[in-house]
Amino acid sequence: MDHYPLEMPFGFRFDTKDKSVAFSGDTCPSENLIKHTRGVDILVHECTEYTKWTNPEIDESHKVKTHTHPDLLGLVARDVKPGLLVASHLMPRSIPKELRRMIGANYDGPTVIGEDLMTG
């Protein structure tokens, strides 16, 4: 994954005999993530809408070096081609319908917008 200034941030992929699932952790779009998650059954990927992030103590450049905007998540998912994309790590004021629209501009596969305490 890519999460400035960390040298070795982690994502995880789990493969069983029946399914594969990958978790991005915090990351900006990452070629390494795409390479190692291509074709997973489920991709749980962070989705941070920068305009909803209002902490004035955080440098603006931090957002793009450490997180994935919904438009860019659509591009990542387009390349990974997961069976299901689950958008996670949302900003508190994000609106799921808007996130789905932004992701959907570049990706037309099955998508779930994660919510706190959601179960499957």
PDB file of N, CA and C in Angstrom:
ATOM      1  N   MET A   1       0.841  -1.170   0.000  1.00  0.00           N
ATOM      2  CA  MET A   1       0.000   0.000   0.000  1.00  0.00           C
ATOM      3  C   MET A   1       0.889   1.236   0.000  1.00  0.00           C
ATOM      4  N   ASP A   2       0.307   2.369  -0.243  1.00  0.00           N
ATOM      5  CA  ASP A   2       1.019   3.644  -0.218  1.00  0.00           C
ATOM      6  C   ASP A   2       0.315   4.568   0.773  1.00  0.00           C
ATOM      7  N   HIS A   3       1.034   4.908   1.832  1.00  0.00           N
ATOM      8  CA  HIS A   3       0.476   5.801   2.851  1.00  0.00           C
ATOM      9  C   HIS A   3       1.625   6.638   3.405  1.00  0.00           C
ATOM     10  N   TYR A   4       1.888   7.773   2.760  1.00  0.00           N
ATOM     11  CA  TYR A   4       2.955   8.673   3.175  1.00  0.00           C
ATOM     12  C   TYR A   4       2.698   9.123   4.609  1.00  0.00           C
ATOM     13  N   PRO A   5       3.675   9.213   5.467  1.00  0.00           N
ATOM     14  CA  PRO A   5       5.096   8.975   5.299  1.00  0.00           C
ATOM     15  C   PRO A   5       5.525   7.559   5.718  1.00  0.00           C
ATOM     16  N   LEU A   6       4.580   6.654   5.899  1.00  0.00           N
ATOM     17  CA  LEU A   6       4.928   5.304   6.333  1.00  0.00           C
ATOM     18  C   LEU A   6       5.718   4.584   5.249  1.00  0.00           C
ATOM     19  N   GLU A   7       6.742   3.870   5.662  1.00  0.00           N
ATOM     20  CA  GLU A   7       7.564   3.150   4.695  1.00  0.00           C
ATOM     21  C   GLU A   7       6.948   1.827   4.281  1.00  0.00           C
ATOM     22  N   MET A   8       6.225   1.176   5.187  1.00  0.00           N
ATOM     23  CA  MET A   8       5.684  -0.135   4.874  1.00  0.00           C
ATOM     24  C   MET A   8       4.265  -0.310   5.410  1.00  0.00           C
ATOM     25  N   PRO A   9       3.289   0.422   4.883  1.00  0.00           N
ATOM     26  CA  PRO A   9       1.906   0.197   5.318  1.00  0.00           C
ATOM     27  C   PRO A   9       1.419  -1.155   4.766  1.00  0.00           C
ATOM     28  N   PHE A  10       0.422  -1.710   5.411  1.00  0.00           N
ATOM     29  CA  PHE A  10      -0.042  -3.037   5.029  1.00  0.00           C
ATOM     30  C   PHE A  10      -1.478  -3.044   4.559  1.00  0.00           C
ATOM     31  N   GLY A  11      -1.755  -3.919   3.634  1.00  0.00           N
ATOM     32  CA  GLY A  11      -3.075  -4.368   3.257  1.00  0.00           C
ATOM     33  C   GLY A  11      -3.026  -5.873   3.436  1.00  0.00           C
ATOM     34  N   PHE A  12      -4.172  -6.511   3.357  1.00  0.00           N
ATOM     35  CA  PHE A  12      -4.195  -7.956   3.570  1.00  0.00           C
ATOM     36  C   PHE A  12      -5.066  -8.633   2.529  1.00  0.00           C
ATOM     37  N   ARG A  13      -4.628  -9.809   2.102  1.00  0.00           N
ATOM     38  CA  ARG A  13      -5.428 -10.651   1.230  1.00  0.00           C
ATOM     39  C   ARG A  13      -5.498 -12.032   1.868  1.00  0.00           C
ATOM     40  N   PHE A  14      -6.722 -12.562   1.933  1.00  0.00           N
ATOM     41  CA  PHE A  14      -6.945 -13.887   2.480  1.00  0.00           C
ATOM     42  C   PHE A  14      -7.581 -14.746   1.400  1.00  0.00           C
ATOM     43  N   ASP A  15      -6.976 -15.893   1.146  1.00  0.00           N
ATOM     44  CA  ASP A  15      -7.502 -16.831   0.162  1.00  0.00           C
ATOM     45  C   ASP A  15      -7.873 -18.132   0.863  1.00  0.00           C
ATOM     46  N   THR A  16      -9.089 -18.608   0.642  1.00  0.00           N
ATOM     47  CA  THR A  16      -9.512 -19.909   1.133  1.00  0.00           C
ATOM     48  C   THR A  16      -9.813 -20.769  -0.083  1.00  0.00           C
ATOM     49  N   LYS A  17     -10.232 -21.980   0.137  1.00  0.00           N
ATOM     50  CA  LYS A  17     -10.553 -22.839  -1.004  1.00  0.00           C
ATOM     51  C   LYS A  17     -11.788 -22.343  -1.748  1.00  0.00           C
ATOM     52  N   ASP A  18     -12.608 -21.517  -1.088  1.00  0.00           N
ATOM     53  CA  ASP A  18     -13.851 -21.056  -1.699  1.00  0.00           C
ATOM     54  C   ASP A  18     -13.850 -19.600  -2.141  1.00  0.00           C
ATOM     55  N   LYS A  19     -13.183 -18.742  -1.398  1.00  0.00           N
ATOM     56  CA  LYS A  19     -13.263 -17.291  -1.640  1.00  0.00           C
ATOM     57  C   LYS A  19     -11.941 -16.604  -1.378  1.00  0.00           C
ATOM     58  N   SER A  20     -11.848 -15.378  -1.893  1.00  0.00           N
ATOM     59  CA  SER A  20     -10.704 -14.511  -1.593  1.00  0.00           C
ATOM     60  C   SER A  20     -11.244 -13.141  -1.206  1.00  0.00           C
ATOM     61  N   VAL A  21     -10.616 -12.543  -0.202  1.00  0.00           N
ATOM     62  CA  VAL A  21     -11.012 -11.214   0.249  1.00  0.00           C
ATOM     63  C   VAL A  21      -9.746 -10.417   0.536  1.00  0.00           C
ATOM     64  N   ALA A  22      -9.771  -9.144   0.158  1.00  0.00           N
ATOM     65  CA  ALA A  22      -8.625  -8.263   0.387  1.00  0.00           C
ATOM     66  C   ALA A  22      -9.099  -6.999   1.091  1.00  0.00           C
ATOM     67  N   PHE A  23      -8.243  -6.500   1.993  1.00  0.00           N
ATOM     68  CA  PHE A  23      -8.502  -5.272   2.743  1.00  0.00           C
ATOM     69  C   PHE A  23      -7.369  -4.305   2.446  1.00  0.00           C
ATOM     70  N   SER A  24      -7.699  -3.101   2.009  1.00  0.00           N
ATOM     71  CA  SER A  24      -6.663  -2.147   1.615  1.00  0.00           C
ATOM     72  C   SER A  24      -5.954  -1.492   2.783  1.00  0.00           C
ATOM     73  N   GLY A  25      -6.632  -1.259   3.895  1.00  0.00           N
ATOM     74  CA  GLY A  25      -6.078  -0.365   4.896  1.00  0.00           C
ATOM     75  C   GLY A  25      -6.055   1.040   4.306  1.00  0.00           C
ATOM     76  N   ASP A  26      -5.463   1.991   5.020  1.00  0.00           N
ATOM     77  CA  ASP A  26      -5.341   3.354   4.489  1.00  0.00           C
ATOM     78  C   ASP A  26      -4.334   3.342   3.340  1.00  0.00           C
ATOM     79  N   THR A  27      -4.724   3.880   2.211  1.00  0.00           N
ATOM     80  CA  THR A  27      -3.814   3.939   1.070  1.00  0.00           C
ATOM     81  C   THR A  27      -4.353   4.884   0.018  1.00  0.00           C
ATOM     82  N   CYS A  28      -3.447   5.527  -0.678  1.00  0.00           N
ATOM     83  CA  CYS A  28      -3.840   6.195  -1.911  1.00  0.00           C
ATOM     84  C   CYS A  28      -3.864   5.091  -2.974  1.00  0.00           C
ATOM     85  N   PRO A  29      -4.354   5.355  -4.181  1.00  0.00           N
ATOM     86  CA  PRO A  29      -4.352   4.305  -5.202  1.00  0.00           C
ATOM     87  C   PRO A  29      -2.954   3.701  -5.344  1.00  0.00           C
ATOM     88  N   SER A  30      -2.903   2.378  -5.375  1.00  0.00           N
ATOM     89  CA  SER A  30      -1.632   1.675  -5.319  1.00  0.00           C
ATOM     90  C   SER A  30      -1.561   0.592  -6.397  1.00  0.00           C
ATOM     91  N   GLU A  31      -0.563   0.697  -7.251  1.00  0.00           N
ATOM     92  CA  GLU A  31      -0.353  -0.339  -8.269  1.00  0.00           C
ATOM     93  C   GLU A  31      -0.071  -1.684  -7.608  1.00  0.00           C
ATOM     94  N   ASN A  32       0.608  -1.665  -6.483  1.00  0.00           N
ATOM     95  CA  ASN A  32       0.899  -2.900  -5.771  1.00  0.00           C
ATOM     96  C   ASN A  32      -0.389  -3.560  -5.287  1.00  0.00           C
ATOM     97  N   LEU A  33      -1.309  -2.764  -4.769  1.00  0.00           N
ATOM     98  CA  LEU A  33      -2.597  -3.295  -4.349  1.00  0.00           C
ATOM     99  C   LEU A  33      -3.313  -3.913  -5.538  1.00  0.00           C
ATOM    100  N   ILE A  34      -3.359  -3.205  -6.650  1.00  0.00           N
ATOM    101  CA  ILE A  34      -4.044  -3.725  -7.842  1.00  0.00           C
ATOM    102  C   ILE A  34      -3.426  -5.046  -8.269  1.00  0.00           C
ATOM    103  N   LYS A  35      -2.125  -5.088  -8.321  1.00  0.00           N
ATOM    104  CA  LYS A  35      -1.409  -6.293  -8.735  1.00  0.00           C
ATOM    105  C   LYS A  35      -1.754  -7.498  -7.859  1.00  0.00           C
ATOM    106  N   HIS A  36      -1.813  -7.287  -6.546  1.00  0.00           N
ATOM    107  CA  HIS A  36      -1.994  -8.403  -5.620  1.00  0.00           C
ATOM    108  C   HIS A  36      -3.443  -8.706  -5.269  1.00  0.00           C
ATOM    109  N   THR A  37      -4.372  -7.907  -5.747  1.00  0.00           N
ATOM    110  CA  THR A  37      -5.778  -8.174  -5.437  1.00  0.00           C
ATOM    111  C   THR A  37      -6.613  -8.443  -6.679  1.00  0.00           C
ATOM    112  N   ARG A  38      -6.004  -8.400  -7.831  1.00  0.00           N
ATOM    113  CA  ARG A  38      -6.751  -8.581  -9.083  1.00  0.00           C
ATOM    114  C   ARG A  38      -7.620  -9.837  -9.012  1.00  0.00           C
ATOM    115  N   GLY A  39      -8.916  -9.656  -9.277  1.00  0.00           N
ATOM    116  CA  GLY A  39      -9.848 -10.766  -9.351  1.00  0.00           C
ATOM    117  C   GLY A  39     -10.340 -11.335  -8.031  1.00  0.00           C
ATOM    118  N   VAL A  40     -10.075 -10.658  -6.897  1.00  0.00           N
ATOM    119  CA  VAL A  40     -10.571 -11.178  -5.616  1.00  0.00           C
ATOM    120  C   VAL A  40     -12.101 -11.199  -5.613  1.00  0.00           C
ATOM    121  N   ASP A  41     -12.650 -12.059  -4.773  1.00  0.00           N
ATOM    122  CA  ASP A  41     -14.102 -12.100  -4.654  1.00  0.00           C
ATOM    123  C   ASP A  41     -14.640 -10.837  -3.990  1.00  0.00           C
ATOM    124  N   ILE A  42     -13.938 -10.376  -2.949  1.00  0.00           N
ATOM    125  CA  ILE A  42     -14.369  -9.174  -2.217  1.00  0.00           C
ATOM    126  C   ILE A  42     -13.152  -8.277  -1.993  1.00  0.00           C
ATOM    127  N   LEU A  43     -13.282  -7.025  -2.368  1.00  0.00           N
ATOM    128  CA  LEU A  43     -12.263  -6.014  -2.083  1.00  0.00           C
ATOM    129  C   LEU A  43     -12.873  -4.983  -1.146  1.00  0.00           C
ATOM    130  N   VAL A  44     -12.341  -4.913   0.073  1.00  0.00           N
ATOM    131  CA  VAL A  44     -12.743  -3.882   1.033  1.00  0.00           C
ATOM    132  C   VAL A  44     -11.673  -2.801   0.938  1.00  0.00           C
ATOM    133  N   HIS A  45     -12.067  -1.639   0.444  1.00  0.00           N
ATOM    134  CA  HIS A  45     -11.083  -0.592   0.158  1.00  0.00           C
ATOM    135  C   HIS A  45     -11.537   0.723   0.767  1.00  0.00           C
ATOM    136  N   GLU A  46     -10.602   1.433   1.338  1.00  0.00           N
ATOM    137  CA  GLU A  46     -10.925   2.734   1.932  1.00  0.00           C
ATOM    138  C   GLU A  46     -11.408   3.709   0.865  1.00  0.00           C
ATOM    139  N   CYS A  47     -12.253   4.632   1.305  1.00  0.00           N
ATOM    140  CA  CYS A  47     -12.894   5.582   0.393  1.00  0.00           C
ATOM    141  C   CYS A  47     -13.062   6.902   1.145  1.00  0.00           C
ATOM    142  N   THR A  48     -12.162   7.832   0.913  1.00  0.00           N
ATOM    143  CA  THR A  48     -12.140   9.074   1.676  1.00  0.00           C
ATOM    144  C   THR A  48     -12.480  10.252   0.774  1.00  0.00           C
ATOM    145  N   GLU A  49     -13.626  10.823   1.003  1.00  0.00           N
ATOM    146  CA  GLU A  49     -14.071  11.977   0.237  1.00  0.00           C
ATOM    147  C   GLU A  49     -13.393  13.230   0.805  1.00  0.00           C
ATOM    148  N   TYR A  50     -12.404  13.732   0.081  1.00  0.00           N
ATOM    149  CA  TYR A  50     -11.562  14.825   0.593  1.00  0.00           C
ATOM    150  C   TYR A  50     -12.356  16.058   1.004  1.00  0.00           C
ATOM    151  N   THR A  51     -13.405  16.388   0.266  1.00  0.00           N
ATOM    152  CA  THR A  51     -14.148  17.622   0.574  1.00  0.00           C
ATOM    153  C   THR A  51     -14.882  17.538   1.902  1.00  0.00           C
ATOM    154  N   LYS A  52     -15.073  16.338   2.428  1.00  0.00           N
ATOM    155  CA  LYS A  52     -15.746  16.179   3.723  1.00  0.00           C
ATOM    156  C   LYS A  52     -14.759  16.215   4.882  1.00  0.00           C
ATOM    157  N   TRP A  53     -13.473  16.270   4.565  1.00  0.00           N
ATOM    158  CA  TRP A  53     -12.408  16.235   5.569  1.00  0.00           C
ATOM    159  C   TRP A  53     -12.072  17.668   5.943  1.00  0.00           C
ATOM    160  N   THR A  54     -12.444  18.075   7.122  1.00  0.00           N
ATOM    161  CA  THR A  54     -12.341  19.499   7.469  1.00  0.00           C
ATOM    162  C   THR A  54     -11.351  19.802   8.583  1.00  0.00           C
ATOM    163  N   ASN A  55     -10.477  18.877   8.918  1.00  0.00           N
ATOM    164  CA  ASN A  55      -9.512  19.125   9.987  1.00  0.00           C
ATOM    165  C   ASN A  55      -8.440  20.093   9.484  1.00  0.00           C
ATOM    166  N   PRO A  56      -8.415  21.344   9.997  1.00  0.00           N
ATOM    167  CA  PRO A  56      -7.453  22.330   9.512  1.00  0.00           C
ATOM    168  C   PRO A  56      -6.009  22.031   9.920  1.00  0.00           C
ATOM    169  N   GLU A  57      -5.813  21.098  10.845  1.00  0.00           N
ATOM    170  CA  GLU A  57      -4.461  20.764  11.294  1.00  0.00           C
ATOM    171  C   GLU A  57      -3.744  19.794  10.346  1.00  0.00           C
ATOM    172  N   ILE A  58      -4.485  19.245   9.379  1.00  0.00           N
ATOM    173  CA  ILE A  58      -3.884  18.271   8.462  1.00  0.00           C
ATOM    174  C   ILE A  58      -3.616  18.933   7.121  1.00  0.00           C
ATOM    175  N   ASP A  59      -2.383  18.830   6.686  1.00  0.00           N
ATOM    176  CA  ASP A  59      -1.935  19.375   5.405  1.00  0.00           C
ATOM    177  C   ASP A  59      -2.766  18.788   4.269  1.00  0.00           C
ATOM    178  N   GLU A  60      -3.203  19.627   3.353  1.00  0.00           N
ATOM    179  CA  GLU A  60      -4.010  19.178   2.213  1.00  0.00           C
ATOM    180  C   GLU A  60      -3.334  18.068   1.409  1.00  0.00           C
ATOM    181  N   SER A  61      -2.014  18.126   1.266  1.00  0.00           N
ATOM    182  CA  SER A  61      -1.324  17.114   0.473  1.00  0.00           C
ATOM    183  C   SER A  61      -1.394  15.736   1.142  1.00  0.00           C
ATOM    184  N   HIS A  62      -1.613  15.714   2.452  1.00  0.00           N
ATOM    185  CA  HIS A  62      -1.728  14.437   3.163  1.00  0.00           C
ATOM    186  C   HIS A  62      -2.870  13.597   2.590  1.00  0.00           C
ATOM    187  N   LYS A  63      -3.961  14.236   2.254  1.00  0.00           N
ATOM    188  CA  LYS A  63      -5.140  13.516   1.777  1.00  0.00           C
ATOM    189  C   LYS A  63      -4.823  12.669   0.549  1.00  0.00           C
ATOM    190  N   VAL A  64      -4.182  13.253  -0.432  1.00  0.00           N
ATOM    191  CA  VAL A  64      -3.925  12.534  -1.688  1.00  0.00           C
ATOM    192  C   VAL A  64      -2.764  11.560  -1.580  1.00  0.00           C
ATOM    193  N   LYS A  65      -1.911  11.713  -0.578  1.00  0.00           N
ATOM    194  CA  LYS A  65      -0.776  10.798  -0.392  1.00  0.00           C
ATOM    195  C   LYS A  65      -1.129   9.610   0.496  1.00  0.00           C
ATOM    196  N   THR A  66      -2.297   9.629   1.104  1.00  0.00           N
ATOM    197  CA  THR A  66      -2.617   8.602   2.087  1.00  0.00           C
ATOM    198  C   THR A  66      -4.000   7.976   1.941  1.00  0.00           C
ATOM    199  N   HIS A  67      -4.858   8.553   1.123  1.00  0.00           N
ATOM    200  CA  HIS A  67      -6.237   8.078   1.038  1.00  0.00           C
ATOM    201  C   HIS A  67      -6.722   8.055  -0.412  1.00  0.00           C
ATOM    202  N   THR A  68      -7.830   7.361  -0.639  1.00  0.00           N
ATOM    203  CA  THR A  68      -8.357   7.172  -1.986  1.00  0.00           C
ATOM    204  C   THR A  68      -9.719   7.832  -2.109  1.00  0.00           C
ATOM    205  N   HIS A  69      -9.802   8.836  -2.964  1.00  0.00           N
ATOM    206  CA  HIS A  69     -11.064   9.521  -3.243  1.00  0.00           C
ATOM    207  C   HIS A  69     -11.991   8.565  -3.987  1.00  0.00           C
ATOM    208  N   PRO A  70     -13.312   8.689  -3.834  1.00  0.00           N
ATOM    209  CA  PRO A  70     -14.244   7.782  -4.503  1.00  0.00           C
ATOM    210  C   PRO A  70     -14.047   7.689  -6.027  1.00  0.00           C
ATOM    211  N   ASP A  71     -13.746   8.798  -6.683  1.00  0.00           N
ATOM    212  CA  ASP A  71     -13.493   8.751  -8.139  1.00  0.00           C
ATOM    213  C   ASP A  71     -12.330   7.811  -8.437  1.00  0.00           C
ATOM    214  N   LEU A  72     -11.281   7.916  -7.632  1.00  0.00           N
ATOM    215  CA  LEU A  72     -10.102   7.077  -7.833  1.00  0.00           C
ATOM    216  C   LEU A  72     -10.359   5.637  -7.414  1.00  0.00           C
ATOM    217  N   LEU A  73     -11.201   5.438  -6.418  1.00  0.00           N
ATOM    218  CA  LEU A  73     -11.562   4.081  -6.027  1.00  0.00           C
ATOM    219  C   LEU A  73     -12.245   3.371  -7.185  1.00  0.00           C
ATOM    220  N   GLY A  74     -13.057   4.098  -7.927  1.00  0.00           N
ATOM    221  CA  GLY A  74     -13.682   3.507  -9.110  1.00  0.00           C
ATOM    222  C   GLY A  74     -12.653   3.013 -10.111  1.00  0.00           C
ATOM    223  N   LEU A  75     -11.566   3.763 -10.286  1.00  0.00           N
ATOM    224  CA  LEU A  75     -10.494   3.344 -11.198  1.00  0.00           C
ATOM    225  C   LEU A  75      -9.764   2.122 -10.660  1.00  0.00           C
ATOM    226  N   VAL A  76      -9.504   2.097  -9.359  1.00  0.00           N
ATOM    227  CA  VAL A  76      -8.849   0.942  -8.738  1.00  0.00           C
ATOM    228  C   VAL A  76      -9.726  -0.299  -8.940  1.00  0.00           C
ATOM    229  N   ALA A  77     -11.006  -0.179  -8.622  1.00  0.00           N
ATOM    230  CA  ALA A  77     -11.920  -1.318  -8.746  1.00  0.00           C
ATOM    231  C   ALA A  77     -12.048  -1.762 -10.204  1.00  0.00           C
ATOM    232  N   ARG A  78     -12.045  -0.824 -11.117  1.00  0.00           N
ATOM    233  CA  ARG A  78     -12.102  -1.173 -12.545  1.00  0.00           C
ATOM    234  C   ARG A  78     -10.941  -2.086 -12.915  1.00  0.00           C
ATOM    235  N   ASP A  79      -9.759  -1.797 -12.363  1.00  0.00           N
ATOM    236  CA  ASP A  79      -8.568  -2.586 -12.678  1.00  0.00           C
ATOM    237  C   ASP A  79      -8.501  -3.895 -11.893  1.00  0.00           C
ATOM    238  N   VAL A  80      -8.979  -3.889 -10.654  1.00  0.00           N
ATOM    239  CA  VAL A  80      -8.959  -5.100  -9.832  1.00  0.00           C
ATOM    240  C   VAL A  80     -10.029  -6.093 -10.296  1.00  0.00           C
ATOM    241  N   LYS A  81     -11.193  -5.582 -10.680  1.00  0.00           N
ATOM    242  CA  LYS A  81     -12.331  -6.398 -11.079  1.00  0.00           C
ATOM    243  C   LYS A  81     -12.764  -7.380  -9.975  1.00  0.00           C
ATOM    244  N   PRO A  82     -13.062  -6.851  -8.791  1.00  0.00           N
ATOM    245  CA  PRO A  82     -13.500  -7.749  -7.712  1.00  0.00           C
ATOM    246  C   PRO A  82     -14.922  -8.242  -7.966  1.00  0.00           C
ATOM    247  N   GLY A  83     -15.267  -9.356  -7.328  1.00  0.00           N
ATOM    248  CA  GLY A  83     -16.647  -9.814  -7.389  1.00  0.00           C
ATOM    249  C   GLY A  83     -17.573  -8.837  -6.685  1.00  0.00           C
ATOM    250  N   LEU A  84     -17.064  -8.203  -5.627  1.00  0.00           N
ATOM    251  CA  LEU A  84     -17.809  -7.201  -4.863  1.00  0.00           C
ATOM    252  C   LEU A  84     -16.823  -6.187  -4.306  1.00  0.00           C
ATOM    253  N   LEU A  85     -17.121  -4.916  -4.486  1.00  0.00           N
ATOM    254  CA  LEU A  85     -16.347  -3.827  -3.889  1.00  0.00           C
ATOM    255  C   LEU A  85     -17.091  -3.338  -2.664  1.00  0.00           C
ATOM    256  N   VAL A  86     -16.392  -3.241  -1.547  1.00  0.00           N
ATOM    257  CA  VAL A  86     -16.961  -2.664  -0.325  1.00  0.00           C
ATOM    258  C   VAL A  86     -16.141  -1.417   0.006  1.00  0.00           C
ATOM    259  N   ALA A  87     -16.790  -0.263  -0.032  1.00  0.00           N
ATOM    260  CA  ALA A  87     -16.125   0.999   0.302  1.00  0.00           C
ATOM    261  C   ALA A  87     -16.181   1.179   1.814  1.00  0.00           C
ATOM    262  N   SER A  88     -15.013   1.424   2.429  1.00  0.00           N
ATOM    263  CA  SER A  88     -14.938   1.586   3.882  1.00  0.00           C
ATOM    264  C   SER A  88     -14.122   2.830   4.220  1.00  0.00           C
ATOM    265  N   HIS A  89     -13.972   3.095   5.518  1.00  0.00           N
ATOM    266  CA  HIS A  89     -13.201   4.254   6.009  1.00  0.00           C
ATOM    267  C   HIS A  89     -13.768   5.551   5.421  1.00  0.00           C
ATOM    268  N   LEU A  90     -15.062   5.736   5.609  1.00  0.00           N
ATOM    269  CA  LEU A  90     -15.759   6.889   5.045  1.00  0.00           C
ATOM    270  C   LEU A  90     -15.663   8.083   5.985  1.00  0.00           C
ATOM    271  N   MET A  91     -15.824   9.260   5.429  1.00  0.00           N
ATOM    272  CA  MET A  91     -15.859  10.467   6.243  1.00  0.00           C
ATOM    273  C   MET A  91     -17.241  10.580   6.886  1.00  0.00           C
ATOM    274  N   PRO A  92     -17.335  11.145   8.095  1.00  0.00           N
ATOM    275  CA  PRO A  92     -18.618  11.195   8.801  1.00  0.00           C
ATOM    276  C   PRO A  92     -19.755  11.863   8.019  1.00  0.00           C
ATOM    277  N   ARG A  93     -19.459  12.834   7.203  1.00  0.00           N
ATOM    278  CA  ARG A  93     -20.520  13.530   6.480  1.00  0.00           C
ATOM    279  C   ARG A  93     -20.699  13.032   5.044  1.00  0.00           C
ATOM    280  N   SER A  94     -20.058  11.941   4.713  1.00  0.00           N
ATOM    281  CA  SER A  94     -20.232  11.386   3.373  1.00  0.00           C
ATOM    282  C   SER A  94     -21.650  10.857   3.210  1.00  0.00           C
ATOM    283  N   ILE A  95     -22.165  10.977   2.010  1.00  0.00           N
ATOM    284  CA  ILE A  95     -23.513  10.510   1.697  1.00  0.00           C
ATOM    285  C   ILE A  95     -23.371   9.290   0.786  1.00  0.00           C
ATOM    286  N   PRO A  96     -23.805   8.118   1.256  1.00  0.00           N
ATOM    287  CA  PRO A  96     -23.611   6.891   0.485  1.00  0.00           C
ATOM    288  C   PRO A  96     -24.047   6.984  -0.980  1.00  0.00           C
ATOM    289  N   LYS A  97     -25.169   7.616  -1.250  1.00  0.00           N
ATOM    290  CA  LYS A  97     -25.648   7.747  -2.631  1.00  0.00           C
ATOM    291  C   LYS A  97     -24.646   8.525  -3.489  1.00  0.00           C
ATOM    292  N   GLU A  98     -24.033   9.568  -2.922  1.00  0.00           N
ATOM    293  CA  GLU A  98     -23.034  10.354  -3.653  1.00  0.00           C
ATOM    294  C   GLU A  98     -21.756   9.533  -3.873  1.00  0.00           C
ATOM    295  N   LEU A  99     -21.341   8.787  -2.859  1.00  0.00           N
ATOM    296  CA  LEU A  99     -20.157   7.945  -3.003  1.00  0.00           C
ATOM    297  C   LEU A  99     -20.375   6.924  -4.113  1.00  0.00           C
ATOM    298  N   ARG A 100     -21.528   6.295  -4.118  1.00  0.00           N
ATOM    299  CA  ARG A 100     -21.851   5.303  -5.146  1.00  0.00           C
ATOM    300  C   ARG A 100     -21.791   5.933  -6.543  1.00  0.00           C
ATOM    301  N   ARG A 101     -22.306   7.151  -6.669  1.00  0.00           N
ATOM    302  CA  ARG A 101     -22.281   7.851  -7.960  1.00  0.00           C
ATOM    303  C   ARG A 101     -20.839   8.123  -8.388  1.00  0.00           C
ATOM    304  N   MET A 102     -19.999   8.597  -7.459  1.00  0.00           N
ATOM    305  CA  MET A 102     -18.612   8.919  -7.795  1.00  0.00           C
ATOM    306  C   MET A 102     -17.821   7.662  -8.160  1.00  0.00           C
ATOM    307  N   ILE A 103     -17.985   6.612  -7.375  1.00  0.00           N
ATOM    308  CA  ILE A 103     -17.305   5.348  -7.687  1.00  0.00           C
ATOM    309  C   ILE A 103     -17.799   4.829  -9.032  1.00  0.00           C
ATOM    310  N   GLY A 104     -19.105   4.912  -9.236  1.00  0.00           N
ATOM    311  CA  GLY A 104     -19.736   4.395 -10.450  1.00  0.00           C
ATOM    312  C   GLY A 104     -19.360   5.117 -11.728  1.00  0.00           C
ATOM    313  N   ALA A 105     -18.759   6.291 -11.624  1.00  0.00           N
ATOM    314  CA  ALA A 105     -18.317   6.998 -12.833  1.00  0.00           C
ATOM    315  C   ALA A 105     -17.228   6.207 -13.558  1.00  0.00           C
ATOM    316  N   ASN A 106     -16.488   5.375 -12.815  1.00  0.00           N
ATOM    317  CA  ASN A 106     -15.390   4.600 -13.396  1.00  0.00           C
ATOM    318  C   ASN A 106     -15.525   3.098 -13.211  1.00  0.00           C
ATOM    319  N   TYR A 107     -16.522   2.657 -12.450  1.00  0.00           N
ATOM    320  CA  TYR A 107     -16.659   1.240 -12.131  1.00  0.00           C
ATOM    321  C   TYR A 107     -18.130   0.877 -12.072  1.00  0.00           C
ATOM    322  N   ASP A 108     -18.511  -0.162 -12.800  1.00  0.00           N
ATOM    323  CA  ASP A 108     -19.922  -0.528 -12.835  1.00  0.00           C
ATOM    324  C   ASP A 108     -20.220  -1.875 -12.182  1.00  0.00           C
ATOM    325  N   GLY A 109     -19.270  -2.401 -11.408  1.00  0.00           N
ATOM    326  CA  GLY A 109     -19.481  -3.677 -10.733  1.00  0.00           C
ATOM    327  C   GLY A 109     -20.265  -3.528  -9.445  1.00  0.00           C
ATOM    328  N   PRO A 110     -20.600  -4.654  -8.819  1.00  0.00           N
ATOM    329  CA  PRO A 110     -21.348  -4.626  -7.559  1.00  0.00           C
ATOM    330  C   PRO A 110     -20.578  -3.880  -6.470  1.00  0.00           C
ATOM    331  N   THR A 111     -21.275  -2.973  -5.800  1.00  0.00           N
ATOM    332  CA  THR A 111     -20.632  -2.105  -4.807  1.00  0.00           C
ATOM    333  C   THR A 111     -21.512  -1.981  -3.573  1.00  0.00           C
ATOM    334  N   VAL A 112     -20.878  -2.075  -2.418  1.00  0.00           N
ATOM    335  CA  VAL A 112     -21.539  -1.830  -1.139  1.00  0.00           C
ATOM    336  C   VAL A 112     -20.823  -0.660  -0.486  1.00  0.00           C
ATOM    337  N   ILE A 113     -21.585   0.285   0.012  1.00  0.00           N
ATOM    338  CA  ILE A 113     -21.013   1.388   0.784  1.00  0.00           C
ATOM    339  C   ILE A 113     -21.126   0.990   2.250  1.00  0.00           C
ATOM    340  N   GLY A 114     -19.974   0.775   2.887  1.00  0.00           N
ATOM    341  CA  GLY A 114     -19.970   0.307   4.268  1.00  0.00           C
ATOM    342  C   GLY A 114     -20.561   1.326   5.228  1.00  0.00           C
ATOM    343  N   GLU A 115     -21.153   0.820   6.294  1.00  0.00           N
ATOM    344  CA  GLU A 115     -21.704   1.660   7.354  1.00  0.00           C
ATOM    345  C   GLU A 115     -21.271   1.072   8.692  1.00  0.00           C
ATOM    346  N   ASP A 116     -21.128   1.912   9.706  1.00  0.00           N
ATOM    347  CA  ASP A 116     -20.779   1.423  11.033  1.00  0.00           C
ATOM    348  C   ASP A 116     -21.775   0.365  11.477  1.00  0.00           C
ATOM    349  N   LEU A 117     -21.254  -0.690  12.051  1.00  0.00           N
ATOM    350  CA  LEU A 117     -22.030  -1.809  12.603  1.00  0.00           C
ATOM    351  C   LEU A 117     -22.788  -2.621  11.544  1.00  0.00           C
ATOM    352  N   MET A 118     -22.424  -2.443  10.277  1.00  0.00           N
ATOM    353  CA  MET A 118     -23.066  -3.199   9.213  1.00  0.00           C
ATOM    354  C   MET A 118     -22.673  -4.669   9.338  1.00  0.00           C
ATOM    355  N   THR A 119     -23.624  -5.548   9.072  1.00  0.00           N
ATOM    356  CA  THR A 119     -23.345  -6.983   9.021  1.00  0.00           C
ATOM    357  C   THR A 119     -23.823  -7.523   7.681  1.00  0.00           C
ATOM    358  N   GLY A 120     -23.289  -8.649   7.277  1.00  0.00           N
ATOM    359  CA  GLY A 120     -23.645  -9.214   5.975  1.00  0.00           C
ATOM    360  C   GLY A 120     -24.445 -10.386   6.142  1.00  0.00           C
TER     361      GLY A 120
END
